[in-house]
Amino acid sequence: MPRAAETQHPIPHCSAPDWPAHHTHAPVARRARNQALMDQGRIERAAPHALACLIYRSLAETAFWVAQNEDDDARLAKGLAALDLRLRGLLLRS
C-alpha cells in the first residue's frame, strides 16, 4: 500500500501530494474559469493550471501572512493591495 505522500490523485492539482482528495475539484474549476477568461480576451494567455496554482498559492500565502500579525487590519489592507496588484497584472491591456 502506498504511503499518503505517494498516493496519486485522480485530478492533478497544485497542492502537496497528501492534500485531501475532496479539495481536488477547486483547481479544476479555477482552471476552467481561467481558460474562459483567456478565451474571452480578458486576461493574458498562460497555462490554465499554472495560473490557477499561482493565484491559489498567492491567496493562501497572503492569508497566512495576514494571520501572523496582531495588527490584522493594517496587514490585511497591505495583503489585499498586493493581491490586487498581482491580479491586475493578468489583465490584458487595451
PDB file of N, CA and C in Angstrom:
ATOM      1  N   MET A   1       0.847  -1.183   0.000  1.00  0.00           N
ATOM      2  CA  MET A   1       0.000   0.000   0.000  1.00  0.00           C
ATOM      3  C   MET A   1       0.885   1.235   0.000  1.00  0.00           C
ATOM      4  N   PRO A   2       0.647   2.199  -0.926  1.00  0.00           N
ATOM      5  CA  PRO A   2       1.495   3.395  -0.980  1.00  0.00           C
ATOM      6  C   PRO A   2       1.239   4.305   0.216  1.00  0.00           C
ATOM      7  N   ARG A   3       2.290   5.000   0.628  1.00  0.00           N
ATOM      8  CA  ARG A   3       2.140   5.980   1.694  1.00  0.00           C
ATOM      9  C   ARG A   3       1.334   7.159   1.154  1.00  0.00           C
ATOM     10  N   ALA A   4       0.788   7.981   2.052  1.00  0.00           N
ATOM     11  CA  ALA A   4      -0.053   9.111   1.647  1.00  0.00           C
ATOM     12  C   ALA A   4       0.667  10.031   0.675  1.00  0.00           C
ATOM     13  N   ALA A   5       1.951  10.270   0.903  1.00  0.00           N
ATOM     14  CA  ALA A   5       2.696  11.175   0.031  1.00  0.00           C
ATOM     15  C   ALA A   5       2.874  10.607  -1.368  1.00  0.00           C
ATOM     16  N   GLU A   6       2.724   9.300  -1.524  1.00  0.00           N
ATOM     17  CA  GLU A   6       2.900   8.668  -2.824  1.00  0.00           C
ATOM     18  C   GLU A   6       1.579   8.424  -3.539  1.00  0.00           C
ATOM     19  N   THR A   7       0.469   8.700  -2.888  1.00  0.00           N
ATOM     20  CA  THR A   7      -0.841   8.443  -3.464  1.00  0.00           C
ATOM     21  C   THR A   7      -1.087   9.364  -4.649  1.00  0.00           C
ATOM     22  N   GLN A   8      -1.548   8.797  -5.731  1.00  0.00           N
ATOM     23  CA  GLN A   8      -1.887   9.578  -6.916  1.00  0.00           C
ATOM     24  C   GLN A   8      -3.322  10.051  -6.820  1.00  0.00           C
ATOM     25  N   HIS A   9      -3.538  11.317  -7.002  1.00  0.00           N
ATOM     26  CA  HIS A   9      -4.894  11.841  -7.010  1.00  0.00           C
ATOM     27  C   HIS A   9      -5.459  11.726  -8.420  1.00  0.00           C
ATOM     28  N   PRO A  10      -6.761  11.540  -8.547  1.00  0.00           N
ATOM     29  CA  PRO A  10      -7.349  11.396  -9.873  1.00  0.00           C
ATOM     30  C   PRO A  10      -7.267  12.678 -10.694  1.00  0.00           C
ATOM     31  N   ILE A  11      -7.169  13.811 -10.044  1.00  0.00           N
ATOM     32  CA  ILE A  11      -7.096  15.096 -10.734  1.00  0.00           C
ATOM     33  C   ILE A  11      -5.817  15.791 -10.294  1.00  0.00           C
ATOM     34  N   PRO A  12      -4.930  16.120 -11.225  1.00  0.00           N
ATOM     35  CA  PRO A  12      -3.705  16.797 -10.815  1.00  0.00           C
ATOM     36  C   PRO A  12      -4.021  18.186 -10.264  1.00  0.00           C
ATOM     37  N   HIS A  13      -3.308  18.581  -9.232  1.00  0.00           N
ATOM     38  CA  HIS A  13      -3.529  19.892  -8.634  1.00  0.00           C
ATOM     39  C   HIS A  13      -2.210  20.449  -8.147  1.00  0.00           C
ATOM     40  N   CYS A  14      -2.254  21.662  -7.630  1.00  0.00           N
ATOM     41  CA  CYS A  14      -1.016  22.337  -7.259  1.00  0.00           C
ATOM     42  C   CYS A  14      -0.653  22.178  -5.804  1.00  0.00           C
ATOM     43  N   SER A  15      -1.411  21.415  -5.057  1.00  0.00           N
ATOM     44  CA  SER A  15      -1.133  21.251  -3.641  1.00  0.00           C
ATOM     45  C   SER A  15      -0.206  20.073  -3.400  1.00  0.00           C
ATOM     46  N   ALA A  16       0.176  19.923  -2.156  1.00  0.00           N
ATOM     47  CA  ALA A  16       1.043  18.813  -1.778  1.00  0.00           C
ATOM     48  C   ALA A  16       0.347  17.484  -2.080  1.00  0.00           C
ATOM     49  N   PRO A  17       1.120  16.425  -2.305  1.00  0.00           N
ATOM     50  CA  PRO A  17       0.523  15.129  -2.649  1.00  0.00           C
ATOM     51  C   PRO A  17      -0.434  14.587  -1.600  1.00  0.00           C
ATOM     52  N   ASP A  18      -0.275  14.992  -0.342  1.00  0.00           N
ATOM     53  CA  ASP A  18      -1.162  14.467   0.687  1.00  0.00           C
ATOM     54  C   ASP A  18      -2.362  15.382   0.944  1.00  0.00           C
ATOM     55  N   TRP A  19      -2.606  16.338   0.052  1.00  0.00           N
ATOM     56  CA  TRP A  19      -3.759  17.229   0.152  1.00  0.00           C
ATOM     57  C   TRP A  19      -5.024  16.391   0.100  1.00  0.00           C
ATOM     58  N   PRO A  20      -6.013  16.678   0.931  1.00  0.00           N
ATOM     59  CA  PRO A  20      -7.237  15.870   0.931  1.00  0.00           C
ATOM     60  C   PRO A  20      -7.880  15.797  -0.453  1.00  0.00           C
ATOM     61  N   ALA A  21      -8.272  14.613  -0.832  1.00  0.00           N
ATOM     62  CA  ALA A  21      -8.825  14.389  -2.170  1.00  0.00           C
ATOM     63  C   ALA A  21     -10.071  15.223  -2.432  1.00  0.00           C
ATOM     64  N   HIS A  22     -10.850  15.556  -1.392  1.00  0.00           N
ATOM     65  CA  HIS A  22     -12.068  16.325  -1.633  1.00  0.00           C
ATOM     66  C   HIS A  22     -11.774  17.774  -2.021  1.00  0.00           C
ATOM     67  N   HIS A  23     -10.514  18.211  -1.945  1.00  0.00           N
ATOM     68  CA  HIS A  23     -10.151  19.562  -2.371  1.00  0.00           C
ATOM     69  C   HIS A  23      -9.732  19.614  -3.834  1.00  0.00           C
ATOM     70  N   THR A  24      -9.694  18.497  -4.517  1.00  0.00           N
ATOM     71  CA  THR A  24      -9.179  18.480  -5.886  1.00  0.00           C
ATOM     72  C   THR A  24     -10.121  19.112  -6.891  1.00  0.00           C
ATOM     73  N   HIS A  25     -11.405  19.301  -6.566  1.00  0.00           N
ATOM     74  CA  HIS A  25     -12.327  19.911  -7.521  1.00  0.00           C
ATOM     75  C   HIS A  25     -12.054  21.391  -7.709  1.00  0.00           C
ATOM     76  N   ALA A  26     -11.534  22.068  -6.712  1.00  0.00           N
ATOM     77  CA  ALA A  26     -11.329  23.518  -6.796  1.00  0.00           C
ATOM     78  C   ALA A  26     -10.336  23.902  -7.896  1.00  0.00           C
ATOM     79  N   PRO A  27      -9.154  23.255  -7.998  1.00  0.00           N
ATOM     80  CA  PRO A  27      -8.249  23.623  -9.084  1.00  0.00           C
ATOM     81  C   PRO A  27      -8.849  23.394 -10.461  1.00  0.00           C
ATOM     82  N   VAL A  28      -9.677  22.380 -10.615  1.00  0.00           N
ATOM     83  CA  VAL A  28     -10.321  22.126 -11.906  1.00  0.00           C
ATOM     84  C   VAL A  28     -11.234  23.302 -12.254  1.00  0.00           C
ATOM     85  N   ALA A  29     -12.007  23.758 -11.280  1.00  0.00           N
ATOM     86  CA  ALA A  29     -12.902  24.900 -11.510  1.00  0.00           C
ATOM     87  C   ALA A  29     -12.100  26.159 -11.806  1.00  0.00           C
ATOM     88  N   ARG A  30     -11.000  26.371 -11.090  1.00  0.00           N
ATOM     89  CA  ARG A  30     -10.168  27.555 -11.338  1.00  0.00           C
ATOM     90  C   ARG A  30      -9.550  27.490 -12.726  1.00  0.00           C
ATOM     91  N   ARG A  31      -9.090  26.310 -13.137  1.00  0.00           N
ATOM     92  CA  ARG A  31      -8.508  26.191 -14.483  1.00  0.00           C
ATOM     93  C   ARG A  31      -9.551  26.505 -15.539  1.00  0.00           C
ATOM     94  N   ALA A  32     -10.758  25.987 -15.366  1.00  0.00           N
ATOM     95  CA  ALA A  32     -11.825  26.241 -16.337  1.00  0.00           C
ATOM     96  C   ALA A  32     -12.165  27.726 -16.379  1.00  0.00           C
ATOM     97  N   ARG A  33     -12.220  28.362 -15.213  1.00  0.00           N
ATOM     98  CA  ARG A  33     -12.524  29.794 -15.156  1.00  0.00           C
ATOM     99  C   ARG A  33     -11.396  30.595 -15.817  1.00  0.00           C
ATOM    100  N   ASN A  34     -10.149  30.223 -15.551  1.00  0.00           N
ATOM    101  CA  ASN A  34      -9.018  30.903 -16.183  1.00  0.00           C
ATOM    102  C   ASN A  34      -9.069  30.745 -17.696  1.00  0.00           C
ATOM    103  N   GLN A  35      -9.363  29.534 -18.156  1.00  0.00           N
ATOM    104  CA  GLN A  35      -9.443  29.295 -19.602  1.00  0.00           C
ATOM    105  C   GLN A  35     -10.544  30.143 -20.219  1.00  0.00           C
ATOM    106  N   ALA A  36     -11.682  30.230 -19.563  1.00  0.00           N
ATOM    107  CA  ALA A  36     -12.787  31.044 -20.080  1.00  0.00           C
ATOM    108  C   ALA A  36     -12.392  32.517 -20.155  1.00  0.00           C
ATOM    109  N   LEU A  37     -11.711  33.020 -19.146  1.00  0.00           N
ATOM    110  CA  LEU A  37     -11.271  34.429 -19.156  1.00  0.00           C
ATOM    111  C   LEU A  37     -10.263  34.678 -20.275  1.00  0.00           C
ATOM    112  N   MET A  38      -9.388  33.701 -20.530  1.00  0.00           N
ATOM    113  CA  MET A  38      -8.438  33.828 -21.638  1.00  0.00           C
ATOM    114  C   MET A  38      -9.168  33.807 -22.971  1.00  0.00           C
ATOM    115  N   ASP A  39     -10.123  32.890 -23.118  1.00  0.00           N
ATOM    116  CA  ASP A  39     -10.883  32.776 -24.364  1.00  0.00           C
ATOM    117  C   ASP A  39     -11.694  34.036 -24.644  1.00  0.00           C
ATOM    118  N   GLN A  40     -12.141  34.717 -23.587  1.00  0.00           N
ATOM    119  CA  GLN A  40     -12.895  35.962 -23.731  1.00  0.00           C
ATOM    120  C   GLN A  40     -11.979  37.163 -23.974  1.00  0.00           C
ATOM    121  N   GLY A  41     -10.673  36.951 -23.895  1.00  0.00           N
ATOM    122  CA  GLY A  41      -9.731  38.044 -24.097  1.00  0.00           C
ATOM    123  C   GLY A  41      -9.641  38.991 -22.914  1.00  0.00           C
ATOM    124  N   ARG A  42      -9.992  38.516 -21.733  1.00  0.00           N
ATOM    125  CA  ARG A  42      -9.977  39.384 -20.552  1.00  0.00           C
ATOM    126  C   ARG A  42      -8.663  39.327 -19.784  1.00  0.00           C
ATOM    127  N   ILE A  43      -7.960  38.177 -19.850  1.00  0.00           N
ATOM    128  CA  ILE A  43      -6.668  38.064 -19.187  1.00  0.00           C
ATOM    129  C   ILE A  43      -5.645  37.498 -20.170  1.00  0.00           C
ATOM    130  N   GLU A  44      -4.380  37.710 -19.836  1.00  0.00           N
ATOM    131  CA  GLU A  44      -3.283  37.209 -20.666  1.00  0.00           C
ATOM    132  C   GLU A  44      -3.358  35.691 -20.781  1.00  0.00           C
ATOM    133  N   ARG A  45      -2.873  35.174 -21.895  1.00  0.00           N
ATOM    134  CA  ARG A  45      -2.835  33.722 -22.083  1.00  0.00           C
ATOM    135  C   ARG A  45      -1.669  33.139 -21.299  1.00  0.00           C
ATOM    136  N   ALA A  46      -1.946  32.042 -20.625  1.00  0.00           N
ATOM    137  CA  ALA A  46      -0.947  31.297 -19.850  1.00  0.00           C
ATOM    138  C   ALA A  46      -1.499  29.893 -19.665  1.00  0.00           C
ATOM    139  N   ALA A  47      -0.684  29.008 -19.164  1.00  0.00           N
ATOM    140  CA  ALA A  47      -1.153  27.646 -18.871  1.00  0.00           C
ATOM    141  C   ALA A  47      -2.203  27.749 -17.765  1.00  0.00           C
ATOM    142  N   PRO A  48      -3.448  27.329 -18.021  1.00  0.00           N
ATOM    143  CA  PRO A  48      -4.515  27.477 -17.024  1.00  0.00           C
ATOM    144  C   PRO A  48      -4.201  26.854 -15.673  1.00  0.00           C
ATOM    145  N   HIS A  49      -3.583  25.667 -15.667  1.00  0.00           N
ATOM    146  CA  HIS A  49      -3.262  25.009 -14.404  1.00  0.00           C
ATOM    147  C   HIS A  49      -2.207  25.802 -13.631  1.00  0.00           C
ATOM    148  N   ALA A  50      -1.163  26.227 -14.317  1.00  0.00           N
ATOM    149  CA  ALA A  50      -0.108  27.008 -13.656  1.00  0.00           C
ATOM    150  C   ALA A  50      -0.682  28.307 -13.101  1.00  0.00           C
ATOM    151  N   LEU A  51      -1.551  28.928 -13.846  1.00  0.00           N
ATOM    152  CA  LEU A  51      -2.180  30.167 -13.407  1.00  0.00           C
ATOM    153  C   LEU A  51      -3.057  29.922 -12.183  1.00  0.00           C
ATOM    154  N   ALA A  52      -3.814  28.837 -12.190  1.00  0.00           N
ATOM    155  CA  ALA A  52      -4.650  28.500 -11.037  1.00  0.00           C
ATOM    156  C   ALA A  52      -3.785  28.284  -9.797  1.00  0.00           C
ATOM    157  N   CYS A  53      -2.660  27.605  -9.965  1.00  0.00           N
ATOM    158  CA  CYS A  53      -1.751  27.376  -8.838  1.00  0.00           C
ATOM    159  C   CYS A  53      -1.172  28.687  -8.322  1.00  0.00           C
ATOM    160  N   LEU A  54      -0.767  29.548  -9.229  1.00  0.00           N
ATOM    161  CA  LEU A  54      -0.198  30.836  -8.849  1.00  0.00           C
ATOM    162  C   LEU A  54      -1.204  31.661  -8.048  1.00  0.00           C
ATOM    163  N   ILE A  55      -2.423  31.736  -8.518  1.00  0.00           N
ATOM    164  CA  ILE A  55      -3.457  32.512  -7.831  1.00  0.00           C
ATOM    165  C   ILE A  55      -3.778  31.881  -6.479  1.00  0.00           C
ATOM    166  N   TYR A  56      -3.969  30.576  -6.463  1.00  0.00           N
ATOM    167  CA  TYR A  56      -4.287  29.881  -5.210  1.00  0.00           C
ATOM    168  C   TYR A  56      -3.197  30.083  -4.166  1.00  0.00           C
ATOM    169  N   ARG A  57      -1.957  29.853  -4.571  1.00  0.00           N
ATOM    170  CA  ARG A  57      -0.847  29.987  -3.631  1.00  0.00           C
ATOM    171  C   ARG A  57      -0.699  31.434  -3.160  1.00  0.00           C
ATOM    172  N   SER A  58      -0.940  32.393  -4.027  1.00  0.00           N
ATOM    173  CA  SER A  58      -0.876  33.797  -3.623  1.00  0.00           C
ATOM    174  C   SER A  58      -1.915  34.099  -2.555  1.00  0.00           C
ATOM    175  N   LEU A  59      -3.120  33.601  -2.763  1.00  0.00           N
ATOM    176  CA  LEU A  59      -4.180  33.807  -1.775  1.00  0.00           C
ATOM    177  C   LEU A  59      -3.845  33.125  -0.452  1.00  0.00           C
ATOM    178  N   ALA A  60      -3.399  31.888  -0.525  1.00  0.00           N
ATOM    179  CA  ALA A  60      -3.083  31.130   0.687  1.00  0.00           C
ATOM    180  C   ALA A  60      -1.930  31.766   1.456  1.00  0.00           C
ATOM    181  N   GLU A  61      -0.863  32.109   0.772  1.00  0.00           N
ATOM    182  CA  GLU A  61       0.290  32.703   1.443  1.00  0.00           C
ATOM    183  C   GLU A  61      -0.062  34.059   2.047  1.00  0.00           C
ATOM    184  N   THR A  62      -0.869  34.841   1.354  1.00  0.00           N
ATOM    185  CA  THR A  62      -1.286  36.127   1.897  1.00  0.00           C
ATOM    186  C   THR A  62      -2.133  35.927   3.153  1.00  0.00           C
ATOM    187  N   ALA A  63      -3.021  34.962   3.121  1.00  0.00           N
ATOM    188  CA  ALA A  63      -3.845  34.676   4.306  1.00  0.00           C
ATOM    189  C   ALA A  63      -2.976  34.286   5.491  1.00  0.00           C
ATOM    190  N   PHE A  64      -1.984  33.435   5.285  1.00  0.00           N
ATOM    191  CA  PHE A  64      -1.089  33.049   6.368  1.00  0.00           C
ATOM    192  C   PHE A  64      -0.295  34.252   6.863  1.00  0.00           C
ATOM    193  N   TRP A  65       0.179  35.073   5.936  1.00  0.00           N
ATOM    194  CA  TRP A  65       0.956  36.257   6.294  1.00  0.00           C
ATOM    195  C   TRP A  65       0.127  37.212   7.140  1.00  0.00           C
ATOM    196  N   VAL A  66      -1.115  37.446   6.743  1.00  0.00           N
ATOM    197  CA  VAL A  66      -2.004  38.336   7.494  1.00  0.00           C
ATOM    198  C   VAL A  66      -2.254  37.770   8.894  1.00  0.00           C
ATOM    199  N   ALA A  67      -2.462  36.483   8.998  1.00  0.00           N
ATOM    200  CA  ALA A  67      -2.793  35.854  10.271  1.00  0.00           C
ATOM    201  C   ALA A  67      -1.626  35.835  11.262  1.00  0.00           C
ATOM    202  N   GLN A  68      -0.416  36.067  10.807  1.00  0.00           N
ATOM    203  CA  GLN A  68       0.753  36.011  11.687  1.00  0.00           C
ATOM    204  C   GLN A  68       0.944  37.271  12.524  1.00  0.00           C
ATOM    205  N   ASN A  69       0.135  38.292  12.323  1.00  0.00           N
ATOM    206  CA  ASN A  69       0.353  39.566  12.987  1.00  0.00           C
ATOM    207  C   ASN A  69      -0.877  39.980  13.767  1.00  0.00           C
ATOM    208  N   GLU A  70      -0.665  40.613  14.900  1.00  0.00           N
ATOM    209  CA  GLU A  70      -1.800  41.055  15.700  1.00  0.00           C
ATOM    210  C   GLU A  70      -2.469  42.292  15.117  1.00  0.00           C
ATOM    211  N   ASP A  71      -1.770  43.060  14.310  1.00  0.00           N
ATOM    212  CA  ASP A  71      -2.344  44.246  13.672  1.00  0.00           C
ATOM    213  C   ASP A  71      -3.013  43.810  12.364  1.00  0.00           C
ATOM    214  N   ASP A  72      -4.043  42.982  12.508  1.00  0.00           N
ATOM    215  CA  ASP A  72      -4.676  42.340  11.356  1.00  0.00           C
ATOM    216  C   ASP A  72      -5.217  43.322  10.333  1.00  0.00           C
ATOM    217  N   ASP A  73      -5.816  44.422  10.765  1.00  0.00           N
ATOM    218  CA  ASP A  73      -6.434  45.344   9.803  1.00  0.00           C
ATOM    219  C   ASP A  73      -5.409  45.958   8.865  1.00  0.00           C
ATOM    220  N   ALA A  74      -4.289  46.414   9.416  1.00  0.00           N
ATOM    221  CA  ALA A  74      -3.256  47.023   8.574  1.00  0.00           C
ATOM    222  C   ALA A  74      -2.618  45.977   7.670  1.00  0.00           C
ATOM    223  N   ARG A  75      -2.354  44.812   8.223  1.00  0.00           N
ATOM    224  CA  ARG A  75      -1.731  43.764   7.422  1.00  0.00           C
ATOM    225  C   ARG A  75      -2.694  43.262   6.349  1.00  0.00           C
ATOM    226  N   LEU A  76      -3.969  43.161   6.681  1.00  0.00           N
ATOM    227  CA  LEU A  76      -4.963  42.743   5.697  1.00  0.00           C
ATOM    228  C   LEU A  76      -5.006  43.732   4.532  1.00  0.00           C
ATOM    229  N   ALA A  77      -4.995  45.022   4.830  1.00  0.00           N
ATOM    230  CA  ALA A  77      -5.021  46.040   3.771  1.00  0.00           C
ATOM    231  C   ALA A  77      -3.796  45.910   2.865  1.00  0.00           C
ATOM    232  N   LYS A  78      -2.625  45.674   3.461  1.00  0.00           N
ATOM    233  CA  LYS A  78      -1.402  45.506   2.659  1.00  0.00           C
ATOM    234  C   LYS A  78      -1.479  44.234   1.813  1.00  0.00           C
ATOM    235  N   GLY A  79      -1.977  43.157   2.403  1.00  0.00           N
ATOM    236  CA  GLY A  79      -2.106  41.896   1.667  1.00  0.00           C
ATOM    237  C   GLY A  79      -3.071  42.015   0.503  1.00  0.00           C
ATOM    238  N   LEU A  80      -4.208  42.668   0.735  1.00  0.00           N
ATOM    239  CA  LEU A  80      -5.194  42.860  -0.339  1.00  0.00           C
ATOM    240  C   LEU A  80      -4.632  43.732  -1.452  1.00  0.00           C
ATOM    241  N   ALA A  81      -3.874  44.749  -1.087  1.00  0.00           N
ATOM    242  CA  ALA A  81      -3.260  45.612  -2.107  1.00  0.00           C
ATOM    243  C   ALA A  81      -2.274  44.817  -2.963  1.00  0.00           C
ATOM    244  N   ALA A  82      -1.498  43.945  -2.318  1.00  0.00           N
ATOM    245  CA  ALA A  82      -0.537  43.121  -3.065  1.00  0.00           C
ATOM    246  C   ALA A  82      -1.253  42.134  -3.979  1.00  0.00           C
ATOM    247  N   LEU A  83      -2.325  41.517  -3.486  1.00  0.00           N
ATOM    248  CA  LEU A  83      -3.098  40.589  -4.323  1.00  0.00           C
ATOM    249  C   LEU A  83      -3.733  41.325  -5.492  1.00  0.00           C
ATOM    250  N   ASP A  84      -4.254  42.513  -5.239  1.00  0.00           N
ATOM    251  CA  ASP A  84      -4.847  43.315  -6.315  1.00  0.00           C
ATOM    252  C   ASP A  84      -3.806  43.613  -7.394  1.00  0.00           C
ATOM    253  N   LEU A  85      -2.613  43.969  -6.985  1.00  0.00           N
ATOM    254  CA  LEU A  85      -1.532  44.240  -7.932  1.00  0.00           C
ATOM    255  C   LEU A  85      -1.215  43.003  -8.768  1.00  0.00           C
ATOM    256  N   ARG A  86      -1.119  41.849  -8.111  1.00  0.00           N
ATOM    257  CA  ARG A  86      -0.823  40.605  -8.831  1.00  0.00           C
ATOM    258  C   ARG A  86      -1.921  40.284  -9.837  1.00  0.00           C
ATOM    259  N   LEU A  87      -3.176  40.377  -9.410  1.00  0.00           N
ATOM    260  CA  LEU A  87      -4.284  40.023 -10.302  1.00  0.00           C
ATOM    261  C   LEU A  87      -4.459  41.036 -11.436  1.00  0.00           C
ATOM    262  N   ARG A  88      -4.231  42.324 -11.160  1.00  0.00           N
ATOM    263  CA  ARG A  88      -4.305  43.313 -12.230  1.00  0.00           C
ATOM    264  C   ARG A  88      -3.242  43.072 -13.291  1.00  0.00           C
ATOM    265  N   GLY A  89      -2.145  42.462 -12.879  1.00  0.00           N
ATOM    266  CA  GLY A  89      -1.079  42.147 -13.832  1.00  0.00           C
ATOM    267  C   GLY A  89      -1.489  41.100 -14.865  1.00  0.00           C
ATOM    268  N   LEU A  90      -2.556  40.388 -14.599  1.00  0.00           N
ATOM    269  CA  LEU A  90      -3.046  39.380 -15.546  1.00  0.00           C
ATOM    270  C   LEU A  90      -3.944  39.976 -16.623  1.00  0.00           C
ATOM    271  N   LEU A  91      -4.479  41.159 -16.346  1.00  0.00           N
ATOM    272  CA  LEU A  91      -5.437  41.750 -17.287  1.00  0.00           C
ATOM    273  C   LEU A  91      -4.763  42.139 -18.593  1.00  0.00           C
ATOM    274  N   LEU A  92      -5.479  41.941 -19.678  1.00  0.00           N
ATOM    275  CA  LEU A  92      -4.984  42.374 -20.979  1.00  0.00           C
ATOM    276  C   LEU A  92      -5.046  43.891 -21.058  1.00  0.00           C
ATOM    277  N   ARG A  93      -4.051  44.462 -21.631  1.00  0.00           N
ATOM    278  CA  ARG A  93      -4.021  45.915 -21.827  1.00  0.00           C
ATOM    279  C   ARG A  93      -4.757  46.243 -23.123  1.00  0.00           C
ATOM    280  N   SER A  94      -5.606  47.264 -23.063  1.00  0.00           N
ATOM    281  CA  SER A  94      -6.330  47.622 -24.299  1.00  0.00           C
ATOM    282  C   SER A  94      -5.691  48.768 -25.012  1.00  0.00           C
TER     283      SER A  94
END
